[in-house]
């Protein structure tokens, strides 16, 4: 019975061993970017909804002499406050698992 010797470079063997982990990392990064994109769309939708709800207030402020930059800053501050509250409530609720 003759034994065959299989030889190769160590770096090639390690590359084969970690190929599935590299694919998993690429897949994880792709879905993480997709989740970030979806969350950004949600924040834009929330800002549009808030602006739609406050149309009358914005109109009154414009009539009373508010400039556009002030209105955008006011809307941005409200959106930032809302986002920070949502982030606080969406934090990790679990313990050490």
PDB file of N, CA and C in Angstrom:
ATOM      1  N   UNK A   1       0.837  -1.161   0.000  1.00  0.00           N
ATOM      2  CA  UNK A   1       0.000   0.000   0.000  1.00  0.00           C
ATOM      3  C   UNK A   1       0.901   1.249   0.000  1.00  0.00           C
ATOM      4  N   UNK A   2       0.731   2.049  -0.994  1.00  0.00           N
ATOM      5  CA  UNK A   2       1.566   3.217  -1.152  1.00  0.00           C
ATOM      6  C   UNK A   2       0.832   4.467  -0.660  1.00  0.00           C
ATOM      7  N   UNK A   3       1.500   5.250   0.153  1.00  0.00           N
ATOM      8  CA  UNK A   3       0.909   6.489   0.658  1.00  0.00           C
ATOM      9  C   UNK A   3       1.367   7.646  -0.208  1.00  0.00           C
ATOM     10  N   UNK A   4       0.409   8.497  -0.497  1.00  0.00           N
ATOM     11  CA  UNK A   4       0.749   9.687  -1.268  1.00  0.00           C
ATOM     12  C   UNK A   4       0.955  10.859  -0.328  1.00  0.00           C
ATOM     13  N   UNK A   5       1.883  11.658  -0.669  1.00  0.00           N
ATOM     14  CA  UNK A   5       2.184  12.827   0.142  1.00  0.00           C
ATOM     15  C   UNK A   5       1.485  14.027  -0.487  1.00  0.00           C
ATOM     16  N   UNK A   6       0.672  14.669   0.334  1.00  0.00           N
ATOM     17  CA  UNK A   6      -0.006  15.889  -0.116  1.00  0.00           C
ATOM     18  C   UNK A   6       0.735  17.068   0.498  1.00  0.00           C
ATOM     19  N   UNK A   7       1.184  17.939  -0.325  1.00  0.00           N
ATOM     20  CA  UNK A   7       1.937  19.072   0.169  1.00  0.00           C
ATOM     21  C   UNK A   7       1.341  20.359  -0.390  1.00  0.00           C
ATOM     22  N   UNK A   8       1.597  21.396   0.286  1.00  0.00           N
ATOM     23  CA  UNK A   8       1.123  22.710  -0.128  1.00  0.00           C
ATOM     24  C   UNK A   8       1.666  23.763   0.816  1.00  0.00           C
ATOM     25  N   UNK A   9       1.368  24.984   0.515  1.00  0.00           N
ATOM     26  CA  UNK A   9       1.829  26.083   1.344  1.00  0.00           C
ATOM     27  C   UNK A   9       0.838  26.319   2.479  1.00  0.00           C
ATOM     28  N   UNK A  10       1.352  26.746   3.602  1.00  0.00           N
ATOM     29  CA  UNK A  10       0.517  26.964   4.778  1.00  0.00           C
ATOM     30  C   UNK A  10      -0.461  28.106   4.544  1.00  0.00           C
ATOM     31  N   UNK A  11      -0.026  29.161   3.856  1.00  0.00           N
ATOM     32  CA  UNK A  11      -0.922  30.288   3.631  1.00  0.00           C
ATOM     33  C   UNK A  11      -2.113  29.899   2.750  1.00  0.00           C
ATOM     34  N   UNK A  12      -1.910  28.978   1.819  1.00  0.00           N
ATOM     35  CA  UNK A  12      -3.020  28.497   0.997  1.00  0.00           C
ATOM     36  C   UNK A  12      -3.995  27.664   1.827  1.00  0.00           C
ATOM     37  N   UNK A  13      -3.475  26.865   2.735  1.00  0.00           N
ATOM     38  CA  UNK A  13      -4.344  26.072   3.611  1.00  0.00           C
ATOM     39  C   UNK A  13      -5.147  26.978   4.533  1.00  0.00           C
ATOM     40  N   UNK A  14      -4.509  28.003   5.083  1.00  0.00           N
ATOM     41  CA  UNK A  14      -5.221  28.940   5.946  1.00  0.00           C
ATOM     42  C   UNK A  14      -6.279  29.727   5.173  1.00  0.00           C
ATOM     43  N   UNK A  15      -5.969  30.069   3.941  1.00  0.00           N
ATOM     44  CA  UNK A  15      -6.940  30.786   3.112  1.00  0.00           C
ATOM     45  C   UNK A  15      -8.169  29.927   2.864  1.00  0.00           C
ATOM     46  N   UNK A  16      -7.987  28.650   2.633  1.00  0.00           N
ATOM     47  CA  UNK A  16      -9.132  27.747   2.454  1.00  0.00           C
ATOM     48  C   UNK A  16      -9.934  27.603   3.734  1.00  0.00           C
ATOM     49  N   UNK A  17      -9.231  27.586   4.880  1.00  0.00           N
ATOM     50  CA  UNK A  17      -9.930  27.449   6.153  1.00  0.00           C
ATOM     51  C   UNK A  17     -10.796  28.669   6.460  1.00  0.00           C
ATOM     52  N   UNK A  18     -10.320  29.860   6.129  1.00  0.00           N
ATOM     53  CA  UNK A  18     -11.025  31.081   6.491  1.00  0.00           C
ATOM     54  C   UNK A  18     -11.887  31.646   5.371  1.00  0.00           C
ATOM     55  N   UNK A  19     -12.051  30.927   4.293  1.00  0.00           N
ATOM     56  CA  UNK A  19     -12.847  31.413   3.175  1.00  0.00           C
ATOM     57  C   UNK A  19     -14.304  31.599   3.580  1.00  0.00           C
ATOM     58  N   UNK A  20     -14.858  30.660   4.328  1.00  0.00           N
ATOM     59  CA  UNK A  20     -16.261  30.785   4.735  1.00  0.00           C
ATOM     60  C   UNK A  20     -16.444  31.957   5.703  1.00  0.00           C
ATOM     61  N   UNK A  21     -15.461  32.202   6.582  1.00  0.00           N
ATOM     62  CA  UNK A  21     -15.562  33.340   7.489  1.00  0.00           C
ATOM     63  C   UNK A  21     -15.496  34.654   6.727  1.00  0.00           C
ATOM     64  N   UNK A  22     -14.686  34.716   5.678  1.00  0.00           N
ATOM     65  CA  UNK A  22     -14.612  35.926   4.875  1.00  0.00           C
ATOM     66  C   UNK A  22     -15.935  36.176   4.156  1.00  0.00           C
ATOM     67  N   UNK A  23     -16.531  35.117   3.637  1.00  0.00           N
ATOM     68  CA  UNK A  23     -17.840  35.265   2.992  1.00  0.00           C
ATOM     69  C   UNK A  23     -18.892  35.707   3.989  1.00  0.00           C
ATOM     70  N   UNK A  24     -18.842  35.162   5.198  1.00  0.00           N
ATOM     71  CA  UNK A  24     -19.792  35.551   6.232  1.00  0.00           C
ATOM     72  C   UNK A  24     -19.610  37.016   6.603  1.00  0.00           C
ATOM     73  N   UNK A  25     -18.371  37.482   6.659  1.00  0.00           N
ATOM     74  CA  UNK A  25     -18.107  38.887   6.953  1.00  0.00           C
ATOM     75  C   UNK A  25     -18.653  39.809   5.884  1.00  0.00           C
ATOM     76  N   UNK A  26     -18.486  39.446   4.632  1.00  0.00           N
ATOM     77  CA  UNK A  26     -19.022  40.246   3.528  1.00  0.00           C
ATOM     78  C   UNK A  26     -20.540  40.285   3.601  1.00  0.00           C
ATOM     79  N   UNK A  27     -21.151  39.144   3.875  1.00  0.00           N
ATOM     80  CA  UNK A  27     -22.610  39.080   3.993  1.00  0.00           C
ATOM     81  C   UNK A  27     -23.102  39.930   5.163  1.00  0.00           C
ATOM     82  N   UNK A  28     -22.405  39.850   6.299  1.00  0.00           N
ATOM     83  CA  UNK A  28     -22.773  40.646   7.462  1.00  0.00           C
ATOM     84  C   UNK A  28     -22.662  42.133   7.162  1.00  0.00           C
ATOM     85  N   UNK A  29     -21.582  42.545   6.527  1.00  0.00           N
ATOM     86  CA  UNK A  29     -21.400  43.960   6.183  1.00  0.00           C
ATOM     87  C   UNK A  29     -22.484  44.452   5.229  1.00  0.00           C
ATOM     88  N   UNK A  30     -22.859  43.607   4.269  1.00  0.00           N
ATOM     89  CA  UNK A  30     -23.903  43.979   3.321  1.00  0.00           C
ATOM     90  C   UNK A  30     -25.221  44.214   4.037  1.00  0.00           C
ATOM     91  N   UNK A  31     -25.603  43.299   4.920  1.00  0.00           N
ATOM     92  CA  UNK A  31     -26.868  43.459   5.623  1.00  0.00           C
ATOM     93  C   UNK A  31     -26.813  44.599   6.637  1.00  0.00           C
ATOM     94  N   UNK A  32     -25.654  44.868   7.209  1.00  0.00           N
ATOM     95  CA  UNK A  32     -25.519  46.009   8.115  1.00  0.00           C
ATOM     96  C   UNK A  32     -25.719  47.318   7.357  1.00  0.00           C
ATOM     97  N   UNK A  33     -25.137  47.433   6.176  1.00  0.00           N
ATOM     98  CA  UNK A  33     -25.338  48.629   5.362  1.00  0.00           C
ATOM     99  C   UNK A  33     -26.790  48.764   4.926  1.00  0.00           C
ATOM    100  N   UNK A  34     -27.436  47.648   4.610  1.00  0.00           N
ATOM    101  CA  UNK A  34     -28.850  47.680   4.252  1.00  0.00           C
ATOM    102  C   UNK A  34     -29.695  48.161   5.428  1.00  0.00           C
ATOM    103  N   UNK A  35     -29.387  47.692   6.629  1.00  0.00           N
ATOM    104  CA  UNK A  35     -30.129  48.120   7.822  1.00  0.00           C
ATOM    105  C   UNK A  35     -29.924  49.607   8.089  1.00  0.00           C
ATOM    106  N   UNK A  36     -28.701  50.102   7.912  1.00  0.00           N
ATOM    107  CA  UNK A  36     -28.434  51.527   8.108  1.00  0.00           C
ATOM    108  C   UNK A  36     -29.191  52.349   7.076  1.00  0.00           C
ATOM    109  N   UNK A  37     -29.227  51.888   5.835  1.00  0.00           N
ATOM    110  CA  UNK A  37     -29.958  52.593   4.786  1.00  0.00           C
ATOM    111  C   UNK A  37     -31.446  52.644   5.097  1.00  0.00           C
ATOM    112  N   UNK A  38     -32.010  51.527   5.551  1.00  0.00           N
ATOM    113  CA  UNK A  38     -33.435  51.493   5.887  1.00  0.00           C
ATOM    114  C   UNK A  38     -33.731  52.418   7.065  1.00  0.00           C
ATOM    115  N   UNK A  39     -32.840  52.453   8.053  1.00  0.00           N
ATOM    116  CA  UNK A  39     -33.061  53.351   9.194  1.00  0.00           C
ATOM    117  C   UNK A  39     -32.980  54.814   8.767  1.00  0.00           C
ATOM    118  N   UNK A  40     -32.097  55.136   7.839  1.00  0.00           N
ATOM    119  CA  UNK A  40     -32.027  56.508   7.331  1.00  0.00           C
ATOM    120  C   UNK A  40     -33.298  56.880   6.579  1.00  0.00           C
ATOM    121  N   UNK A  41     -33.842  55.944   5.824  1.00  0.00           N
ATOM    122  CA  UNK A  41     -35.116  56.193   5.155  1.00  0.00           C
ATOM    123  C   UNK A  41     -36.223  56.434   6.173  1.00  0.00           C
ATOM    124  N   UNK A  42     -36.198  55.688   7.270  1.00  0.00           N
ATOM    125  CA  UNK A  42     -37.193  55.881   8.320  1.00  0.00           C
ATOM    126  C   UNK A  42     -37.087  57.252   8.963  1.00  0.00           C
ATOM    127  N   UNK A  43     -35.847  57.711   9.191  1.00  0.00           N
ATOM    128  CA  UNK A  43     -35.662  59.041   9.766  1.00  0.00           C
ATOM    129  C   UNK A  43     -36.118  60.136   8.806  1.00  0.00           C
ATOM    130  N   UNK A  44     -35.860  59.944   7.520  1.00  0.00           N
ATOM    131  CA  UNK A  44     -36.338  60.925   6.535  1.00  0.00           C
ATOM    132  C   UNK A  44     -37.860  60.939   6.491  1.00  0.00           C
ATOM    133  N   UNK A  45     -38.465  59.775   6.561  1.00  0.00           N
ATOM    134  CA  UNK A  45     -39.926  59.696   6.589  1.00  0.00           C
ATOM    135  C   UNK A  45     -40.497  60.348   7.832  1.00  0.00           C
ATOM    136  N   UNK A  46     -39.834  60.151   8.964  1.00  0.00           N
ATOM    137  CA  UNK A  46     -40.280  60.773  10.206  1.00  0.00           C
ATOM    138  C   UNK A  46     -40.185  62.291  10.115  1.00  0.00           C
ATOM    139  N   UNK A  47     -39.112  62.799   9.528  1.00  0.00           N
ATOM    140  CA  UNK A  47     -38.957  64.249   9.370  1.00  0.00           C
ATOM    141  C   UNK A  47     -40.029  64.809   8.433  1.00  0.00           C
ATOM    142  N   UNK A  48     -40.320  64.093   7.346  1.00  0.00           N
ATOM    143  CA  UNK A  48     -41.358  64.543   6.418  1.00  0.00           C
ATOM    144  C   UNK A  48     -42.729  64.529   7.086  1.00  0.00           C
ATOM    145  N   UNK A  49     -42.999  63.504   7.873  1.00  0.00           N
ATOM    146  CA  UNK A  49     -44.275  63.412   8.576  1.00  0.00           C
ATOM    147  C   UNK A  49     -44.415  64.541   9.589  1.00  0.00           C
ATOM    148  N   UNK A  50     -43.343  64.829  10.322  1.00  0.00           N
ATOM    149  CA  UNK A  50     -43.373  65.910  11.309  1.00  0.00           C
ATOM    150  C   UNK A  50     -43.589  67.256  10.621  1.00  0.00           C
ATOM    151  N   UNK A  51     -42.918  67.474   9.501  1.00  0.00           N
ATOM    152  CA  UNK A  51     -43.092  68.728   8.765  1.00  0.00           C
ATOM    153  C   UNK A  51     -44.520  68.855   8.244  1.00  0.00           C
ATOM    154  N   UNK A  52     -45.090  67.753   7.797  1.00  0.00           N
ATOM    155  CA  UNK A  52     -46.476  67.770   7.319  1.00  0.00           C
ATOM    156  C   UNK A  52     -47.446  68.085   8.456  1.00  0.00           C
ATOM    157  N   UNK A  53     -47.175  67.549   9.628  1.00  0.00           N
ATOM    158  CA  UNK A  53     -48.042  67.804  10.777  1.00  0.00           C
ATOM    159  C   UNK A  53     -47.922  69.251  11.257  1.00  0.00           C
ATOM    160  N   UNK A  54     -46.771  69.879  11.046  1.00  0.00           N
ATOM    161  CA  UNK A  54     -46.532  71.224  11.556  1.00  0.00           C
ATOM    162  C   UNK A  54     -46.637  72.283  10.462  1.00  0.00           C
ATOM    163  N   UNK A  55     -47.366  71.997   9.405  1.00  0.00           N
ATOM    164  CA  UNK A  55     -47.474  72.925   8.282  1.00  0.00           C
ATOM    165  C   UNK A  55     -48.069  74.257   8.723  1.00  0.00           C
ATOM    166  N   UNK A  56     -49.100  74.203   9.540  1.00  0.00           N
ATOM    167  CA  UNK A  56     -49.745  75.437   9.984  1.00  0.00           C
ATOM    168  C   UNK A  56     -48.793  76.276  10.843  1.00  0.00           C
ATOM    169  N   UNK A  57     -48.067  75.620  11.744  1.00  0.00           N
ATOM    170  CA  UNK A  57     -47.115  76.346  12.590  1.00  0.00           C
ATOM    171  C   UNK A  57     -46.016  76.979  11.749  1.00  0.00           C
ATOM    172  N   UNK A  58     -45.518  76.251  10.772  1.00  0.00           N
ATOM    173  CA  UNK A  58     -44.466  76.784   9.908  1.00  0.00           C
ATOM    174  C   UNK A  58     -44.982  77.979   9.114  1.00  0.00           C
ATOM    175  N   UNK A  59     -46.219  77.875   8.623  1.00  0.00           N
ATOM    176  CA  UNK A  59     -46.812  78.997   7.882  1.00  0.00           C
ATOM    177  C   UNK A  59     -46.951  80.237   8.744  1.00  0.00           C
ATOM    178  N   UNK A  60     -47.408  80.061   9.970  1.00  0.00           N
ATOM    179  CA  UNK A  60     -47.560  81.205  10.880  1.00  0.00           C
ATOM    180  C   UNK A  60     -46.205  81.825  11.184  1.00  0.00           C
ATOM    181  N   UNK A  61     -45.196  80.998  11.406  1.00  0.00           N
ATOM    182  CA  UNK A  61     -43.861  81.533  11.692  1.00  0.00           C
ATOM    183  C   UNK A  61     -43.307  82.304  10.480  1.00  0.00           C
ATOM    184  N   UNK A  62     -43.583  81.799   9.273  1.00  0.00           N
ATOM    185  CA  UNK A  62     -43.128  82.497   8.067  1.00  0.00           C
ATOM    186  C   UNK A  62     -43.811  83.858   7.949  1.00  0.00           C
ATOM    187  N   UNK A  63     -45.133  83.903   8.235  1.00  0.00           N
ATOM    188  CA  UNK A  63     -45.862  85.168   8.146  1.00  0.00           C
ATOM    189  C   UNK A  63     -45.335  86.166   9.170  1.00  0.00           C
ATOM    190  N   UNK A  64     -44.950  85.653  10.349  1.00  0.00           N
ATOM    191  CA  UNK A  64     -44.453  86.539  11.395  1.00  0.00           C
ATOM    192  C   UNK A  64     -42.992  86.945  11.181  1.00  0.00           C
ATOM    193  N   UNK A  65     -42.356  86.442  10.116  1.00  0.00           N
ATOM    194  CA  UNK A  65     -41.031  86.933   9.758  1.00  0.00           C
ATOM    195  C   UNK A  65     -39.877  85.980   9.997  1.00  0.00           C
ATOM    196  N   UNK A  66     -40.148  84.727  10.250  1.00  0.00           N
ATOM    197  CA  UNK A  66     -39.056  83.774  10.456  1.00  0.00           C
ATOM    198  C   UNK A  66     -38.362  83.490   9.121  1.00  0.00           C
ATOM    199  N   UNK A  67     -37.051  83.314   9.175  1.00  0.00           N
ATOM    200  CA  UNK A  67     -36.342  82.981   7.942  1.00  0.00           C
ATOM    201  C   UNK A  67     -36.293  81.456   7.774  1.00  0.00           C
ATOM    202  N   UNK A  68     -35.956  81.027   6.585  1.00  0.00           N
ATOM    203  CA  UNK A  68     -35.958  79.602   6.267  1.00  0.00           C
ATOM    204  C   UNK A  68     -34.914  78.853   7.084  1.00  0.00           C
ATOM    205  N   UNK A  69     -33.764  79.474   7.298  1.00  0.00           N
ATOM    206  CA  UNK A  69     -32.705  78.815   8.071  1.00  0.00           C
ATOM    207  C   UNK A  69     -33.169  78.545   9.504  1.00  0.00           C
ATOM    208  N   UNK A  70     -33.892  79.499  10.082  1.00  0.00           N
ATOM    209  CA  UNK A  70     -34.422  79.295  11.435  1.00  0.00           C
ATOM    210  C   UNK A  70     -35.433  78.175  11.490  1.00  0.00           C
ATOM    211  N   UNK A  71     -36.272  78.081  10.465  1.00  0.00           N
ATOM    212  CA  UNK A  71     -37.275  77.004  10.419  1.00  0.00           C
ATOM    213  C   UNK A  71     -36.618  75.642  10.255  1.00  0.00           C
ATOM    214  N   UNK A  72     -35.600  75.587   9.421  1.00  0.00           N
ATOM    215  CA  UNK A  72     -34.892  74.322   9.220  1.00  0.00           C
ATOM    216  C   UNK A  72     -34.168  73.914  10.492  1.00  0.00           C
ATOM    217  N   UNK A  73     -33.566  74.881  11.176  1.00  0.00           N
ATOM    218  CA  UNK A  73     -32.877  74.581  12.436  1.00  0.00           C
ATOM    219  C   UNK A  73     -33.865  74.094  13.483  1.00  0.00           C
ATOM    220  N   UNK A  74     -35.043  74.719  13.557  1.00  0.00           N
ATOM    221  CA  UNK A  74     -36.063  74.297  14.513  1.00  0.00           C
ATOM    222  C   UNK A  74     -36.538  72.874  14.201  1.00  0.00           C
ATOM    223  N   UNK A  75     -36.760  72.605  12.934  1.00  0.00           N
ATOM    224  CA  UNK A  75     -37.204  71.269  12.525  1.00  0.00           C
ATOM    225  C   UNK A  75     -36.113  70.236  12.772  1.00  0.00           C
ATOM    226  N   UNK A  76     -34.857  70.605  12.482  1.00  0.00           N
ATOM    227  CA  UNK A  76     -33.742  69.694  12.710  1.00  0.00           C
ATOM    228  C   UNK A  76     -33.533  69.391  14.177  1.00  0.00           C
ATOM    229  N   UNK A  77     -33.712  70.399  15.027  1.00  0.00           N
ATOM    230  CA  UNK A  77     -33.560  70.187  16.470  1.00  0.00           C
ATOM    231  C   UNK A  77     -34.634  69.237  16.984  1.00  0.00           C
ATOM    232  N   UNK A  78     -35.851  69.402  16.490  1.00  0.00           N
ATOM    233  CA  UNK A  78     -36.936  68.500  16.910  1.00  0.00           C
ATOM    234  C   UNK A  78     -36.668  67.083  16.423  1.00  0.00           C
ATOM    235  N   UNK A  79     -36.202  66.954  15.194  1.00  0.00           N
ATOM    236  CA  UNK A  79     -35.919  65.619  14.662  1.00  0.00           C
ATOM    237  C   UNK A  79     -34.770  64.964  15.416  1.00  0.00           C
ATOM    238  N   UNK A  80     -33.761  65.752  15.772  1.00  0.00           N
ATOM    239  CA  UNK A  80     -32.628  65.223  16.522  1.00  0.00           C
ATOM    240  C   UNK A  80     -33.061  64.769  17.907  1.00  0.00           C
ATOM    241  N   UNK A  81     -33.925  65.544  18.542  1.00  0.00           N
ATOM    242  CA  UNK A  81     -34.426  65.160  19.869  1.00  0.00           C
ATOM    243  C   UNK A  81     -35.261  63.893  19.773  1.00  0.00           C
ATOM    244  N   UNK A  82     -36.122  63.807  18.775  1.00  0.00           N
ATOM    245  CA  UNK A  82     -36.935  62.603  18.588  1.00  0.00           C
ATOM    246  C   UNK A  82     -36.052  61.385  18.339  1.00  0.00           C
ATOM    247  N   UNK A  83     -35.034  61.555  17.501  1.00  0.00           N
ATOM    248  CA  UNK A  83     -34.144  60.439  17.181  1.00  0.00           C
ATOM    249  C   UNK A  83     -33.383  59.962  18.396  1.00  0.00           C
ATOM    250  N   UNK A  84     -32.937  60.899  19.231  1.00  0.00           N
ATOM    251  CA  UNK A  84     -32.195  60.487  20.425  1.00  0.00           C
ATOM    252  C   UNK A  84     -33.099  59.734  21.396  1.00  0.00           C
ATOM    253  N   UNK A  85     -34.363  60.152  21.499  1.00  0.00           N
ATOM    254  CA  UNK A  85     -35.309  59.439  22.364  1.00  0.00           C
ATOM    255  C   UNK A  85     -35.556  58.034  21.816  1.00  0.00           C
ATOM    256  N   UNK A  86     -35.740  57.910  20.509  1.00  0.00           N
ATOM    257  CA  UNK A  86     -35.967  56.597  19.911  1.00  0.00           C
ATOM    258  C   UNK A  86     -34.760  55.687  20.110  1.00  0.00           C
ATOM    259  N   UNK A  87     -33.558  56.256  19.996  1.00  0.00           N
ATOM    260  CA  UNK A  87     -32.354  55.447  20.189  1.00  0.00           C
ATOM    261  C   UNK A  87     -32.234  54.974  21.628  1.00  0.00           C
ATOM    262  N   UNK A  88     -32.637  55.799  22.575  1.00  0.00           N
ATOM    263  CA  UNK A  88     -32.588  55.392  23.975  1.00  0.00           C
ATOM    264  C   UNK A  88     -33.532  54.225  24.232  1.00  0.00           C
ATOM    265  N   UNK A  89     -34.721  54.271  23.637  1.00  0.00           N
ATOM    266  CA  UNK A  89     -35.692  53.208  23.867  1.00  0.00           C
ATOM    267  C   UNK A  89     -35.376  51.935  23.091  1.00  0.00           C
ATOM    268  N   UNK A  90     -34.600  52.056  22.035  1.00  0.00           N
ATOM    269  CA  UNK A  90     -34.307  50.876  21.231  1.00  0.00           C
ATOM    270  C   UNK A  90     -33.013  50.190  21.671  1.00  0.00           C
ATOM    271  N   UNK A  91     -32.422  50.612  22.767  1.00  0.00           N
ATOM    272  CA  UNK A  91     -31.164  50.031  23.246  1.00  0.00           C
ATOM    273  C   UNK A  91     -31.339  48.578  23.681  1.00  0.00           C
ATOM    274  N   UNK A  92     -30.227  47.964  24.008  1.00  0.00           N
ATOM    275  CA  UNK A  92     -30.213  46.564  24.426  1.00  0.00           C
ATOM    276  C   UNK A  92     -30.898  46.412  25.771  1.00  0.00           C
ATOM    277  N   UNK A  93     -31.957  45.603  25.814  1.00  0.00           N
ATOM    278  CA  UNK A  93     -32.698  45.388  27.053  1.00  0.00           C
ATOM    279  C   UNK A  93     -32.255  44.112  27.775  1.00  0.00           C
ATOM    280  N   UNK A  94     -31.470  43.301  27.102  1.00  0.00           N
ATOM    281  CA  UNK A  94     -31.060  42.021  27.681  1.00  0.00           C
ATOM    282  C   UNK A  94     -29.896  42.172  28.641  1.00  0.00           C
ATOM    283  N   UNK A  95     -29.665  41.110  29.371  1.00  0.00           N
ATOM    284  CA  UNK A  95     -28.538  41.098  30.303  1.00  0.00           C
ATOM    285  C   UNK A  95     -27.346  40.414  29.675  1.00  0.00           C
ATOM    286  N   UNK A  96     -26.590  39.731  30.491  1.00  0.00           N
ATOM    287  CA  UNK A  96     -25.426  38.991  29.998  1.00  0.00           C
ATOM    288  C   UNK A  96     -25.884  37.638  29.487  1.00  0.00           C
ATOM    289  N   UNK A  97     -25.995  37.519  28.187  1.00  0.00           N
ATOM    290  CA  UNK A  97     -26.406  36.235  27.625  1.00  0.00           C
ATOM    291  C   UNK A  97     -25.406  35.712  26.641  1.00  0.00           C
TER     292      UNK A  97
END
